[in-house]
PDB file of N, CA and C in Angstrom:
ATOM      1  N   MET A   1     -63.084  -6.406  63.483  1.00  0.00           N
ATOM      2  CA  MET A   1     -61.695  -6.557  63.847  1.00  0.00           C
ATOM      3  C   MET A   1     -61.231  -7.944  63.404  1.00  0.00           C
ATOM      4  N   ALA A   2     -60.244  -7.985  62.581  1.00  0.00           N
ATOM      5  CA  ALA A   2     -59.734  -9.256  62.063  1.00  0.00           C
ATOM      6  C   ALA A   2     -58.670  -9.805  63.008  1.00  0.00           C
ATOM      7  N   VAL A   3     -58.701 -11.090  63.187  1.00  0.00           N
ATOM      8  CA  VAL A   3     -57.711 -11.750  64.030  1.00  0.00           C
ATOM      9  C   VAL A   3     -56.556 -12.186  63.144  1.00  0.00           C
ATOM     10  N   GLU A   4     -55.380 -11.750  63.492  1.00  0.00           N
ATOM     11  CA  GLU A   4     -54.207 -12.139  62.720  1.00  0.00           C
ATOM     12  C   GLU A   4     -53.743 -13.526  63.163  1.00  0.00           C
ATOM     13  N   LEU A   5     -53.726 -14.443  62.227  1.00  0.00           N
ATOM     14  CA  LEU A   5     -53.297 -15.793  62.536  1.00  0.00           C
ATOM     15  C   LEU A   5     -51.801 -15.919  62.287  1.00  0.00           C
ATOM     16  N   ALA A   6     -51.140 -16.492  63.218  1.00  0.00           N
ATOM     17  CA  ALA A   6     -49.700 -16.687  63.095  1.00  0.00           C
ATOM     18  C   ALA A   6     -49.389 -18.156  63.305  1.00  0.00           C
ATOM     19  N   ILE A   7     -48.183 -18.546  62.943  1.00  0.00           N
ATOM     20  CA  ILE A   7     -47.778 -19.943  63.106  1.00  0.00           C
ATOM     21  C   ILE A   7     -47.797 -20.356  64.573  1.00  0.00           C
ATOM     22  N   GLY A   8     -47.518 -19.395  65.449  1.00  0.00           N
ATOM     23  CA  GLY A   8     -47.527 -19.708  66.882  1.00  0.00           C
ATOM     24  C   GLY A   8     -48.892 -20.116  67.379  1.00  0.00           C
ATOM     25  N   ASN A   9     -49.944 -19.448  66.885  1.00  0.00           N
ATOM     26  CA  ASN A   9     -51.298 -19.816  67.289  1.00  0.00           C
ATOM     27  C   ASN A   9     -51.657 -21.210  66.801  1.00  0.00           C
ATOM     28  N   GLY A  10     -51.231 -21.547  65.609  1.00  0.00           N
ATOM     29  CA  GLY A  10     -51.490 -22.883  65.079  1.00  0.00           C
ATOM     30  C   GLY A  10     -50.767 -23.953  65.878  1.00  0.00           C
ATOM     31  N   LEU A  11     -49.523 -23.649  66.247  1.00  0.00           N
ATOM     32  CA  LEU A  11     -48.773 -24.619  67.041  1.00  0.00           C
ATOM     33  C   LEU A  11     -49.358 -24.791  68.441  1.00  0.00           C
ATOM     34  N   LEU A  12     -49.914 -23.709  69.009  1.00  0.00           N
ATOM     35  CA  LEU A  12     -50.600 -23.848  70.301  1.00  0.00           C
ATOM     36  C   LEU A  12     -51.820 -24.753  70.166  1.00  0.00           C
ATOM     37  N   GLY A  13     -52.539 -24.635  69.048  1.00  0.00           N
ATOM     38  CA  GLY A  13     -53.684 -25.510  68.808  1.00  0.00           C
ATOM     39  C   GLY A  13     -53.271 -26.969  68.653  1.00  0.00           C
ATOM     40  N   VAL A  14     -52.177 -27.193  67.950  1.00  0.00           N
ATOM     41  CA  VAL A  14     -51.662 -28.557  67.800  1.00  0.00           C
ATOM     42  C   VAL A  14     -51.228 -29.112  69.162  1.00  0.00           C
ATOM     43  N   GLY A  15     -50.569 -28.293  69.946  1.00  0.00           N
ATOM     44  CA  GLY A  15     -50.138 -28.730  71.269  1.00  0.00           C
ATOM     45  C   GLY A  15     -51.316 -29.061  72.168  1.00  0.00           C
ATOM     46  N   ALA A  16     -52.368 -28.245  72.107  1.00  0.00           N
ATOM     47  CA  ALA A  16     -53.561 -28.514  72.908  1.00  0.00           C
ATOM     48  C   ALA A  16     -54.221 -29.817  72.470  1.00  0.00           C
ATOM     49  N   GLY A  17     -54.290 -30.032  71.167  1.00  0.00           N
ATOM     50  CA  GLY A  17     -54.876 -31.276  70.663  1.00  0.00           C
ATOM     51  C   GLY A  17     -54.070 -32.496  71.057  1.00  0.00           C
ATOM     52  N   LEU A  18     -52.748 -32.364  70.996  1.00  0.00           N
ATOM     53  CA  LEU A  18     -51.890 -33.480  71.406  1.00  0.00           C
ATOM     54  C   LEU A  18     -52.021 -33.768  72.899  1.00  0.00           C
ATOM     55  N   ALA A  19     -52.107 -32.724  73.710  1.00  0.00           N
ATOM     56  CA  ALA A  19     -52.235 -32.925  75.159  1.00  0.00           C
ATOM     57  C   ALA A  19     -53.488 -33.715  75.487  1.00  0.00           C
ATOM     58  N   LEU A  20     -54.595 -33.341  74.873  1.00  0.00           N
ATOM     59  CA  LEU A  20     -55.848 -34.028  75.149  1.00  0.00           C
ATOM     60  C   LEU A  20     -55.901 -35.398  74.487  1.00  0.00           C
ATOM     61  N   GLY A  21     -55.474 -35.469  73.237  1.00  0.00           N
ATOM     62  CA  GLY A  21     -55.553 -36.730  72.494  1.00  0.00           C
ATOM     63  C   GLY A  21     -54.648 -37.813  73.052  1.00  0.00           C
ATOM     64  N   LEU A  22     -53.403 -37.465  73.343  1.00  0.00           N
ATOM     65  CA  LEU A  22     -52.487 -38.472  73.884  1.00  0.00           C
ATOM     66  C   LEU A  22     -52.872 -38.889  75.300  1.00  0.00           C
ATOM     67  N   GLY A  23     -53.441 -37.945  76.063  1.00  0.00           N
ATOM     68  CA  GLY A  23     -53.951 -38.316  77.389  1.00  0.00           C
ATOM     69  C   GLY A  23     -55.099 -39.314  77.287  1.00  0.00           C
ATOM     70  N   ALA A  24     -55.965 -39.119  76.308  1.00  0.00           N
ATOM     71  CA  ALA A  24     -57.089 -40.036  76.114  1.00  0.00           C
ATOM     72  C   ALA A  24     -56.612 -41.406  75.641  1.00  0.00           C
ATOM     73  N   ILE A  25     -55.617 -41.426  74.760  1.00  0.00           N
ATOM     74  CA  ILE A  25     -55.070 -42.704  74.293  1.00  0.00           C
ATOM     75  C   ILE A  25     -54.413 -43.456  75.454  1.00  0.00           C
ATOM     76  N   GLY A  26     -53.659 -42.732  76.274  1.00  0.00           N
ATOM     77  CA  GLY A  26     -53.026 -43.364  77.437  1.00  0.00           C
ATOM     78  C   GLY A  26     -54.046 -43.931  78.402  1.00  0.00           C
ATOM     79  N   THR A  27     -55.132 -43.208  78.598  1.00  0.00           N
ATOM     80  CA  THR A  27     -56.200 -43.691  79.477  1.00  0.00           C
ATOM     81  C   THR A  27     -56.824 -44.961  78.919  1.00  0.00           C
ATOM     82  N   GLY A  28     -57.078 -44.973  77.631  1.00  0.00           N
ATOM     83  CA  GLY A  28     -57.674 -46.164  77.005  1.00  0.00           C
ATOM     84  C   GLY A  28     -56.769 -47.380  77.106  1.00  0.00           C
ATOM     85  N   LEU A  29     -55.474 -47.165  76.885  1.00  0.00           N
ATOM     86  CA  LEU A  29     -54.533 -48.282  76.992  1.00  0.00           C
ATOM     87  C   LEU A  29     -54.443 -48.813  78.418  1.00  0.00           C
ATOM     88  N   ALA A  30     -54.511 -47.926  79.388  1.00  0.00           N
ATOM     89  CA  ALA A  30     -54.458 -48.363  80.783  1.00  0.00           C
ATOM     90  C   ALA A  30     -55.733 -49.102  81.177  1.00  0.00           C
ATOM     91  N   GLN A  31     -56.867 -48.569  80.762  1.00  0.00           N
ATOM     92  CA  GLN A  31     -58.127 -49.163  81.181  1.00  0.00           C
ATOM     93  C   GLN A  31     -58.426 -50.489  80.491  1.00  0.00           C
ATOM     94  N   GLN A  32     -57.833 -50.742  79.337  1.00  0.00           N
ATOM     95  CA  GLN A  32     -58.102 -52.015  78.679  1.00  0.00           C
ATOM     96  C   GLN A  32     -57.549 -53.186  79.474  1.00  0.00           C
ATOM     97  N   GLN A  33     -56.580 -52.945  80.325  1.00  0.00           N
ATOM     98  CA  GLN A  33     -56.045 -54.011  81.165  1.00  0.00           C
ATOM     99  C   GLN A  33     -56.611 -53.969  82.577  1.00  0.00           C
ATOM    100  N   ILE A  34     -56.965 -52.785  83.046  1.00  0.00           N
ATOM    101  CA  ILE A  34     -57.435 -52.646  84.421  1.00  0.00           C
ATOM    102  C   ILE A  34     -58.859 -53.173  84.579  1.00  0.00           C
ATOM    103  N   ILE A  35     -59.747 -52.816  83.672  1.00  0.00           N
ATOM    104  CA  ILE A  35     -61.163 -53.151  83.848  1.00  0.00           C
ATOM    105  C   ILE A  35     -61.420 -54.661  83.895  1.00  0.00           C
ATOM    106  N   PRO A  36     -60.848 -55.472  83.002  1.00  0.00           N
ATOM    107  CA  PRO A  36     -61.087 -56.920  83.138  1.00  0.00           C
ATOM    108  C   PRO A  36     -60.547 -57.494  84.451  1.00  0.00           C
ATOM    109  N   ALA A  37     -59.404 -56.983  84.903  1.00  0.00           N
ATOM    110  CA  ALA A  37     -58.852 -57.474  86.167  1.00  0.00           C
ATOM    111  C   ALA A  37     -59.753 -57.102  87.339  1.00  0.00           C
ATOM    112  N   VAL A  38     -60.274 -55.886  87.322  1.00  0.00           N
ATOM    113  CA  VAL A  38     -61.164 -55.446  88.400  1.00  0.00           C
ATOM    114  C   VAL A  38     -62.459 -56.248  88.386  1.00  0.00           C
ATOM    115  N   LEU A  39     -63.014 -56.470  87.203  1.00  0.00           N
ATOM    116  CA  LEU A  39     -64.259 -57.250  87.131  1.00  0.00           C
ATOM    117  C   LEU A  39     -64.047 -58.682  87.614  1.00  0.00           C
ATOM    118  N   GLY A  40     -62.886 -59.256  87.304  1.00  0.00           N
ATOM    119  CA  GLY A  40     -62.585 -60.597  87.812  1.00  0.00           C
ATOM    120  C   GLY A  40     -62.449 -60.608  89.324  1.00  0.00           C
ATOM    121  N   ALA A  41     -61.820 -59.585  89.880  1.00  0.00           N
ATOM    122  CA  ALA A  41     -61.670 -59.505  91.333  1.00  0.00           C
ATOM    123  C   ALA A  41     -63.015 -59.317  92.014  1.00  0.00           C
ATOM    124  N   ILE A  42     -63.887 -58.512  91.413  1.00  0.00           N
ATOM    125  CA  ILE A  42     -65.220 -58.295  91.995  1.00  0.00           C
ATOM    126  C   ILE A  42     -66.054 -59.568  91.905  1.00  0.00           C
ATOM    127  N   ALA A  43     -65.881 -60.345  90.832  1.00  0.00           N
ATOM    128  CA  ALA A  43     -66.627 -61.601  90.699  1.00  0.00           C
ATOM    129  C   ALA A  43     -66.227 -62.590  91.782  1.00  0.00           C
ATOM    130  N   GLU A  44     -64.940 -62.576  92.164  1.00  0.00           N
ATOM    131  CA  GLU A  44     -64.489 -63.485  93.216  1.00  0.00           C
ATOM    132  C   GLU A  44     -64.850 -62.972  94.608  1.00  0.00           C
ATOM    133  N   ASP A  45     -64.751 -61.649  94.808  1.00  0.00           N
ATOM    134  CA  ASP A  45     -65.009 -61.070  96.129  1.00  0.00           C
ATOM    135  C   ASP A  45     -65.727 -59.734  95.945  1.00  0.00           C
ATOM    136  N   PRO A  46     -67.037 -59.694  96.172  1.00  0.00           N
ATOM    137  CA  PRO A  46     -67.787 -58.447  95.962  1.00  0.00           C
ATOM    138  C   PRO A  46     -67.327 -57.284  96.843  1.00  0.00           C
ATOM    139  N   LYS A  47     -66.581 -57.561  97.910  1.00  0.00           N
ATOM    140  CA  LYS A  47     -66.078 -56.484  98.766  1.00  0.00           C
ATOM    141  C   LYS A  47     -64.990 -55.666  98.079  1.00  0.00           C
ATOM    142  N   MET A  48     -64.506 -56.115  96.929  1.00  0.00           N
ATOM    143  CA  MET A  48     -63.459 -55.399  96.194  1.00  0.00           C
ATOM    144  C   MET A  48     -64.018 -54.280  95.311  1.00  0.00           C
ATOM    145  N   LEU A  49     -65.324 -54.034  95.377  1.00  0.00           N
ATOM    146  CA  LEU A  49     -65.947 -53.046  94.503  1.00  0.00           C
ATOM    147  C   LEU A  49     -65.359 -51.652  94.698  1.00  0.00           C
ATOM    148  N   GLY A  50     -65.186 -51.224  95.945  1.00  0.00           N
ATOM    149  CA  GLY A  50     -64.661 -49.888  96.210  1.00  0.00           C
ATOM    150  C   GLY A  50     -63.249 -49.700  95.682  1.00  0.00           C
ATOM    151  N   LYS A  51     -62.380 -50.667  95.977  1.00  0.00           N
ATOM    152  CA  LYS A  51     -61.004 -50.592  95.478  1.00  0.00           C
ATOM    153  C   LYS A  51     -60.981 -50.678  93.957  1.00  0.00           C
ATOM    154  N   GLY A  52     -61.842 -51.507  93.405  1.00  0.00           N
ATOM    155  CA  GLY A  52     -61.893 -51.661  91.962  1.00  0.00           C
ATOM    156  C   GLY A  52     -62.306 -50.377  91.262  1.00  0.00           C
ATOM    157  N   LEU A  53     -63.307 -49.686  91.803  1.00  0.00           N
ATOM    158  CA  LEU A  53     -63.729 -48.417  91.214  1.00  0.00           C
ATOM    159  C   LEU A  53     -62.612 -47.390  91.274  1.00  0.00           C
ATOM    160  N   PHE A  54     -61.852 -47.400  92.362  1.00  0.00           N
ATOM    161  CA  PHE A  54     -60.714 -46.486  92.465  1.00  0.00           C
ATOM    162  C   PHE A  54     -59.704 -46.759  91.359  1.00  0.00           C
ATOM    163  N   PHE A  55     -59.390 -48.020  91.128  1.00  0.00           N
ATOM    164  CA  PHE A  55     -58.408 -48.363  90.101  1.00  0.00           C
ATOM    165  C   PHE A  55     -58.933 -48.089  88.692  1.00  0.00           C
ATOM    166  N   ILE A  56     -60.237 -48.193  88.493  1.00  0.00           N
ATOM    167  CA  ILE A  56     -60.812 -47.877  87.186  1.00  0.00           C
ATOM    168  C   ILE A  56     -60.768 -46.368  86.934  1.00  0.00           C
ATOM    169  N   LEU A  57     -61.029 -45.577  87.951  1.00  0.00           N
ATOM    170  CA  LEU A  57     -61.084 -44.124  87.784  1.00  0.00           C
ATOM    171  C   LEU A  57     -59.714 -43.460  87.809  1.00  0.00           C
ATOM    172  N   LEU A  58     -58.701 -44.108  88.325  1.00  0.00           N
ATOM    173  CA  LEU A  58     -57.374 -43.512  88.436  1.00  0.00           C
ATOM    174  C   LEU A  58     -56.794 -43.065  87.094  1.00  0.00           C
ATOM    175  N   PRO A  59     -56.860 -43.854  86.021  1.00  0.00           N
ATOM    176  CA  PRO A  59     -56.304 -43.382  84.746  1.00  0.00           C
ATOM    177  C   PRO A  59     -57.062 -42.210  84.134  1.00  0.00           C
ATOM    178  N   GLU A  60     -58.293 -41.981  84.555  1.00  0.00           N
ATOM    179  CA  GLU A  60     -59.068 -40.868  84.008  1.00  0.00           C
ATOM    180  C   GLU A  60     -58.419 -39.526  84.331  1.00  0.00           C
ATOM    181  N   THR A  61     -57.555 -39.486  85.334  1.00  0.00           N
ATOM    182  CA  THR A  61     -56.886 -38.229  85.663  1.00  0.00           C
ATOM    183  C   THR A  61     -55.991 -37.775  84.510  1.00  0.00           C
ATOM    184  N   LEU A  62     -55.517 -38.703  83.681  1.00  0.00           N
ATOM    185  CA  LEU A  62     -54.720 -38.315  82.517  1.00  0.00           C
ATOM    186  C   LEU A  62     -55.520 -37.427  81.572  1.00  0.00           C
ATOM    187  N   VAL A  63     -56.773 -37.767  81.358  1.00  0.00           N
ATOM    188  CA  VAL A  63     -57.611 -36.964  80.466  1.00  0.00           C
ATOM    189  C   VAL A  63     -57.907 -35.612  81.106  1.00  0.00           C
ATOM    190  N   ILE A  64     -58.144 -35.613  82.418  1.00  0.00           N
ATOM    191  CA  ILE A  64     -58.439 -34.351  83.105  1.00  0.00           C
ATOM    192  C   ILE A  64     -57.230 -33.423  83.036  1.00  0.00           C
ATOM    193  N   PHE A  65     -56.036 -33.953  83.273  1.00  0.00           N
ATOM    194  CA  PHE A  65     -54.832 -33.126  83.189  1.00  0.00           C
ATOM    195  C   PHE A  65     -54.585 -32.662  81.759  1.00  0.00           C
ATOM    196  N   GLY A  66     -54.813 -33.524  80.785  1.00  0.00           N
ATOM    197  CA  GLY A  66     -54.671 -33.137  79.390  1.00  0.00           C
ATOM    198  C   GLY A  66     -55.639 -32.026  79.008  1.00  0.00           C
ATOM    199  N   PHE A  67     -56.870 -32.117  79.507  1.00  0.00           N
ATOM    200  CA  PHE A  67     -57.861 -31.078  79.247  1.00  0.00           C
ATOM    201  C   PHE A  67     -57.446 -29.757  79.887  1.00  0.00           C
ATOM    202  N   ALA A  68     -56.936 -29.822  81.115  1.00  0.00           N
ATOM    203  CA  ALA A  68     -56.498 -28.601  81.797  1.00  0.00           C
ATOM    204  C   ALA A  68     -55.345 -27.938  81.039  1.00  0.00           C
ATOM    205  N   ILE A  69     -54.395 -28.728  80.590  1.00  0.00           N
ATOM    206  CA  ILE A  69     -53.266 -28.169  79.845  1.00  0.00           C
ATOM    207  C   ILE A  69     -53.735 -27.602  78.514  1.00  0.00           C
ATOM    208  N   ALA A  70     -54.675 -28.281  77.864  1.00  0.00           N
ATOM    209  CA  ALA A  70     -55.207 -27.768  76.601  1.00  0.00           C
ATOM    210  C   ALA A  70     -55.893 -26.418  76.824  1.00  0.00           C
ATOM    211  N   MET A  71     -56.643 -26.271  77.904  1.00  0.00           N
ATOM    212  CA  MET A  71     -57.304 -25.009  78.173  1.00  0.00           C
ATOM    213  C   MET A  71     -56.300 -23.903  78.488  1.00  0.00           C
ATOM    214  N   ILE A  72     -55.222 -24.245  79.174  1.00  0.00           N
ATOM    215  CA  ILE A  72     -54.176 -23.263  79.440  1.00  0.00           C
ATOM    216  C   ILE A  72     -53.535 -22.812  78.125  1.00  0.00           C
ATOM    217  N   LEU A  73     -53.269 -23.754  77.239  1.00  0.00           N
ATOM    218  CA  LEU A  73     -52.660 -23.404  75.956  1.00  0.00           C
ATOM    219  C   LEU A  73     -53.598 -22.569  75.089  1.00  0.00           C
ATOM    220  N   ILE A  74     -54.864 -22.939  75.055  1.00  0.00           N
ATOM    221  CA  ILE A  74     -55.832 -22.200  74.248  1.00  0.00           C
ATOM    222  C   ILE A  74     -56.022 -20.789  74.821  1.00  0.00           C
ATOM    223  N   GLY A  75     -55.890 -20.635  76.125  1.00  0.00           N
ATOM    224  CA  GLY A  75     -56.026 -19.325  76.732  1.00  0.00           C
ATOM    225  C   GLY A  75     -54.911 -18.362  76.354  1.00  0.00           C
ATOM    226  N   LYS A  76     -53.790 -18.882  75.851  1.00  0.00           N
ATOM    227  CA  LYS A  76     -52.682 -18.025  75.453  1.00  0.00           C
ATOM    228  C   LYS A  76     -52.870 -17.406  74.081  1.00  0.00           C
ATOM    229  N   VAL A  77     -53.891 -17.854  73.352  1.00  0.00           N
ATOM    230  CA  VAL A  77     -54.110 -17.329  71.997  1.00  0.00           C
ATOM    231  C   VAL A  77     -54.655 -15.928  72.064  1.00  0.00           C
TER     232      VAL A  77
END
């Protein structure tokens, strides 16, 4: 059984790639400023470790949401 490829399927693939890729870029841009600040705060006060880990992990939700949207889009093919 041959799968008929249409422009719509290609655009869904592009959309899925953009959702994941732009989410990853946004996460990287956010973490490049957050991680040095958190490490500096932990160096001054080790009790800031818990809050610091929360702030480091918070931007990762962008990648998770991008992945979820990509899977939803790929499921429509």
